[in-house]
Every structure is written in structure tokens, then in C-alpha cells.
Amino acid sequence: MSKTVNILGSTQKEQWLTAISIYDLSVGANIEEAMQHLAEGWEEDEQMRESLETARRVLADYTNEMRRLVEGVFE
């Protein structure tokens, strides 16, 4: 008989923290890709750059707050 493994973690806390990290990574990667395209010479719209910078900060704040929430719930 084979043993199943949960790739997100073995506890609910680990699973939540992994899910938050995956969300952060996926959204953050899209922001970084857009920023890279701007740096490579796409027509730069300053308002777009500001919006992406804001999105990056909001994502970091959200990710940190979600991690704090999970840590608090599972302590």
C-alpha cells in the first residue's frame, strides 16, 4: 500500500502558510513580469508603474497579515 503525502504540509497550519506563500509567489511574479517589461522598453506609463508598485506593497502587506493571522490561530 502506498502512503499519500500532502505537498502543502502535514498540519493545517503548514497547509495554510504554504497556500499563502503560493498566492504571494503567483501574484508577485505577475507584478515582477510587468515591471520587467516596463524596464525592457515597453512604453512606460508612469501611472502604470505607480499602480504596480502599489500592488507590490499591498501584496506584501496582505501576505504578512495573512501569515500573522494563521500564526495566531494555530498557536
N, C-alpha and C. Protein backbone atom coordinates (compact mmCIF):
# COMPACT_ATOMS: atom_id res chain seq x y z
N MET A 1 0.85 -1.17 0.00
CA MET A 1 0.00 0.00 0.00
C MET A 1 0.90 1.24 0.00
N SER A 2 0.54 2.21 -0.79
CA SER A 2 1.35 3.44 -0.85
C SER A 2 0.84 4.45 0.17
N LYS A 3 1.75 5.29 0.59
CA LYS A 3 1.42 6.33 1.56
C LYS A 3 1.20 7.64 0.80
N THR A 4 0.14 8.35 1.14
CA THR A 4 -0.11 9.64 0.50
C THR A 4 0.61 10.74 1.27
N VAL A 5 1.02 11.75 0.54
CA VAL A 5 1.72 12.87 1.15
C VAL A 5 1.03 14.15 0.71
N ASN A 6 0.72 14.99 1.64
CA ASN A 6 0.13 16.29 1.32
C ASN A 6 1.29 17.25 1.03
N ILE A 7 1.40 17.70 -0.20
CA ILE A 7 2.53 18.55 -0.58
C ILE A 7 2.45 19.94 0.04
N LEU A 8 1.29 20.30 0.57
CA LEU A 8 1.16 21.61 1.20
C LEU A 8 1.65 21.60 2.65
N GLY A 9 1.76 20.44 3.25
CA GLY A 9 2.20 20.34 4.64
C GLY A 9 1.42 19.28 5.38
N SER A 10 1.95 18.91 6.52
CA SER A 10 1.32 17.81 7.26
C SER A 10 0.33 18.31 8.31
N THR A 11 0.32 19.60 8.61
CA THR A 11 -0.64 20.15 9.56
C THR A 11 -1.46 21.24 8.86
N GLN A 12 -2.58 21.58 9.46
CA GLN A 12 -3.40 22.65 8.89
C GLN A 12 -2.62 23.96 8.83
N LYS A 13 -1.86 24.24 9.87
CA LYS A 13 -1.07 25.47 9.88
C LYS A 13 -0.07 25.49 8.73
N GLU A 14 0.65 24.41 8.52
CA GLU A 14 1.60 24.34 7.42
C GLU A 14 0.90 24.49 6.07
N GLN A 15 -0.27 23.88 5.95
CA GLN A 15 -1.02 23.96 4.70
C GLN A 15 -1.44 25.40 4.42
N TRP A 16 -1.94 26.10 5.42
CA TRP A 16 -2.34 27.50 5.25
C TRP A 16 -1.14 28.37 4.88
N LEU A 17 -0.03 28.20 5.59
CA LEU A 17 1.15 29.02 5.32
C LEU A 17 1.70 28.74 3.92
N THR A 18 1.65 27.49 3.48
CA THR A 18 2.10 27.16 2.13
C THR A 18 1.17 27.77 1.09
N ALA A 19 -0.13 27.70 1.33
CA ALA A 19 -1.09 28.29 0.39
C ALA A 19 -0.88 29.79 0.27
N ILE A 20 -0.62 30.46 1.38
CA ILE A 20 -0.36 31.91 1.36
C ILE A 20 0.91 32.19 0.56
N SER A 21 1.93 31.37 0.75
CA SER A 21 3.18 31.56 0.00
C SER A 21 2.98 31.36 -1.49
N ILE A 22 2.16 30.38 -1.86
CA ILE A 22 1.88 30.14 -3.28
C ILE A 22 1.14 31.33 -3.88
N TYR A 23 0.15 31.86 -3.16
CA TYR A 23 -0.59 33.03 -3.61
C TYR A 23 0.36 34.21 -3.80
N ASP A 24 1.21 34.45 -2.79
CA ASP A 24 2.16 35.55 -2.84
C ASP A 24 3.10 35.39 -4.04
N LEU A 25 3.59 34.20 -4.25
CA LEU A 25 4.52 33.94 -5.34
C LEU A 25 3.86 34.16 -6.70
N SER A 26 2.64 33.66 -6.87
CA SER A 26 2.00 33.78 -8.17
C SER A 26 1.63 35.22 -8.51
N VAL A 27 1.05 35.94 -7.56
CA VAL A 27 0.69 37.34 -7.82
C VAL A 27 1.95 38.18 -7.95
N GLY A 28 2.91 37.96 -7.05
CA GLY A 28 4.16 38.72 -7.10
C GLY A 28 4.92 38.50 -8.40
N ALA A 29 4.91 37.29 -8.92
CA ALA A 29 5.60 37.00 -10.18
C ALA A 29 4.96 37.77 -11.34
N ASN A 30 3.65 37.89 -11.33
CA ASN A 30 2.98 38.66 -12.39
C ASN A 30 3.33 40.14 -12.30
N ILE A 31 3.41 40.67 -11.09
CA ILE A 31 3.81 42.07 -10.91
C ILE A 31 5.23 42.27 -11.41
N GLU A 32 6.13 41.36 -11.02
CA GLU A 32 7.53 41.48 -11.43
C GLU A 32 7.68 41.38 -12.95
N GLU A 33 6.92 40.50 -13.58
CA GLU A 33 6.98 40.37 -15.03
C GLU A 33 6.56 41.67 -15.71
N ALA A 34 5.50 42.29 -15.22
CA ALA A 34 5.05 43.56 -15.79
C ALA A 34 6.10 44.64 -15.58
N MET A 35 6.72 44.67 -14.40
CA MET A 35 7.78 45.65 -14.13
C MET A 35 8.97 45.42 -15.06
N GLN A 36 9.30 44.16 -15.30
CA GLN A 36 10.42 43.82 -16.19
C GLN A 36 10.14 44.28 -17.62
N HIS A 37 8.90 44.09 -18.08
CA HIS A 37 8.55 44.55 -19.42
C HIS A 37 8.69 46.06 -19.53
N LEU A 38 8.31 46.77 -18.49
CA LEU A 38 8.49 48.22 -18.49
C LEU A 38 9.97 48.59 -18.56
N ALA A 39 10.80 47.86 -17.80
CA ALA A 39 12.23 48.13 -17.77
C ALA A 39 12.89 47.80 -19.10
N GLU A 40 12.32 46.89 -19.87
CA GLU A 40 12.89 46.48 -21.15
C GLU A 40 12.48 47.39 -22.29
N GLY A 41 11.75 48.43 -21.99
CA GLY A 41 11.47 49.39 -23.03
C GLY A 41 10.05 49.47 -23.52
N TRP A 42 9.16 48.73 -22.93
CA TRP A 42 7.77 48.94 -23.29
C TRP A 42 7.45 50.39 -22.99
N GLU A 43 6.51 50.92 -23.72
CA GLU A 43 6.14 52.30 -23.45
C GLU A 43 5.75 52.42 -21.99
N GLU A 44 6.50 53.24 -21.32
CA GLU A 44 6.28 53.35 -19.88
C GLU A 44 5.22 54.40 -19.59
N ASP A 45 4.27 53.97 -18.88
CA ASP A 45 3.23 54.86 -18.41
C ASP A 45 3.47 55.00 -16.91
N GLU A 46 3.81 56.19 -16.47
CA GLU A 46 4.16 56.39 -15.06
C GLU A 46 3.03 55.97 -14.13
N GLN A 47 1.80 56.18 -14.56
CA GLN A 47 0.67 55.76 -13.74
C GLN A 47 0.63 54.24 -13.60
N MET A 48 0.99 53.52 -14.68
CA MET A 48 1.03 52.06 -14.61
C MET A 48 2.12 51.61 -13.65
N ARG A 49 3.29 52.23 -13.73
CA ARG A 49 4.39 51.87 -12.84
C ARG A 49 3.99 52.12 -11.38
N GLU A 50 3.36 53.24 -11.11
CA GLU A 50 2.91 53.54 -9.75
C GLU A 50 1.88 52.51 -9.29
N SER A 51 0.98 52.12 -10.19
CA SER A 51 -0.03 51.12 -9.83
C SER A 51 0.62 49.79 -9.50
N LEU A 52 1.63 49.39 -10.26
CA LEU A 52 2.34 48.14 -9.99
C LEU A 52 3.11 48.20 -8.67
N GLU A 53 3.72 49.33 -8.40
CA GLU A 53 4.43 49.50 -7.13
C GLU A 53 3.44 49.41 -5.96
N THR A 54 2.28 50.02 -6.13
CA THR A 54 1.25 49.93 -5.11
C THR A 54 0.79 48.50 -4.94
N ALA A 55 0.58 47.80 -6.05
CA ALA A 55 0.16 46.39 -5.98
C ALA A 55 1.20 45.55 -5.25
N ARG A 56 2.47 45.83 -5.49
CA ARG A 56 3.55 45.09 -4.82
C ARG A 56 3.49 45.33 -3.30
N ARG A 57 3.28 46.57 -2.89
CA ARG A 57 3.20 46.89 -1.45
C ARG A 57 1.96 46.27 -0.81
N VAL A 58 0.84 46.36 -1.50
CA VAL A 58 -0.41 45.80 -0.96
C VAL A 58 -0.28 44.29 -0.83
N LEU A 59 0.31 43.63 -1.82
CA LEU A 59 0.51 42.19 -1.76
C LEU A 59 1.39 41.82 -0.56
N ALA A 60 2.46 42.56 -0.35
CA ALA A 60 3.34 42.28 0.80
C ALA A 60 2.59 42.46 2.11
N ASP A 61 1.81 43.53 2.22
CA ASP A 61 1.03 43.76 3.44
C ASP A 61 0.01 42.65 3.66
N TYR A 62 -0.68 42.26 2.58
CA TYR A 62 -1.68 41.19 2.68
C TYR A 62 -1.02 39.89 3.11
N THR A 63 0.08 39.55 2.46
CA THR A 63 0.77 38.29 2.76
C THR A 63 1.23 38.27 4.22
N ASN A 64 1.83 39.34 4.67
CA ASN A 64 2.28 39.41 6.07
C ASN A 64 1.12 39.29 7.04
N GLU A 65 0.03 39.96 6.75
CA GLU A 65 -1.14 39.92 7.64
C GLU A 65 -1.76 38.53 7.67
N MET A 66 -1.84 37.87 6.52
CA MET A 66 -2.40 36.52 6.48
C MET A 66 -1.51 35.55 7.27
N ARG A 67 -0.20 35.69 7.15
CA ARG A 67 0.71 34.83 7.91
C ARG A 67 0.53 35.06 9.41
N ARG A 68 0.41 36.34 9.81
CA ARG A 68 0.19 36.64 11.23
C ARG A 68 -1.11 36.02 11.72
N LEU A 69 -2.15 36.09 10.90
CA LEU A 69 -3.44 35.52 11.27
C LEU A 69 -3.33 34.01 11.46
N VAL A 70 -2.68 33.34 10.53
CA VAL A 70 -2.52 31.88 10.63
C VAL A 70 -1.69 31.53 11.88
N GLU A 71 -0.61 32.26 12.09
CA GLU A 71 0.22 32.00 13.27
C GLU A 71 -0.61 32.16 14.55
N GLY A 72 -1.44 33.20 14.60
CA GLY A 72 -2.27 33.44 15.78
C GLY A 72 -3.32 32.35 16.00
N VAL A 73 -3.95 31.92 14.91
CA VAL A 73 -5.00 30.92 15.02
C VAL A 73 -4.43 29.57 15.48
N PHE A 74 -3.25 29.23 15.00
CA PHE A 74 -2.71 27.90 15.29
C PHE A 74 -1.73 27.87 16.46
N GLU A 75 -1.65 28.92 17.23
CA GLU A 75 -0.82 28.90 18.43
C GLU A 75 -1.63 28.54 19.64
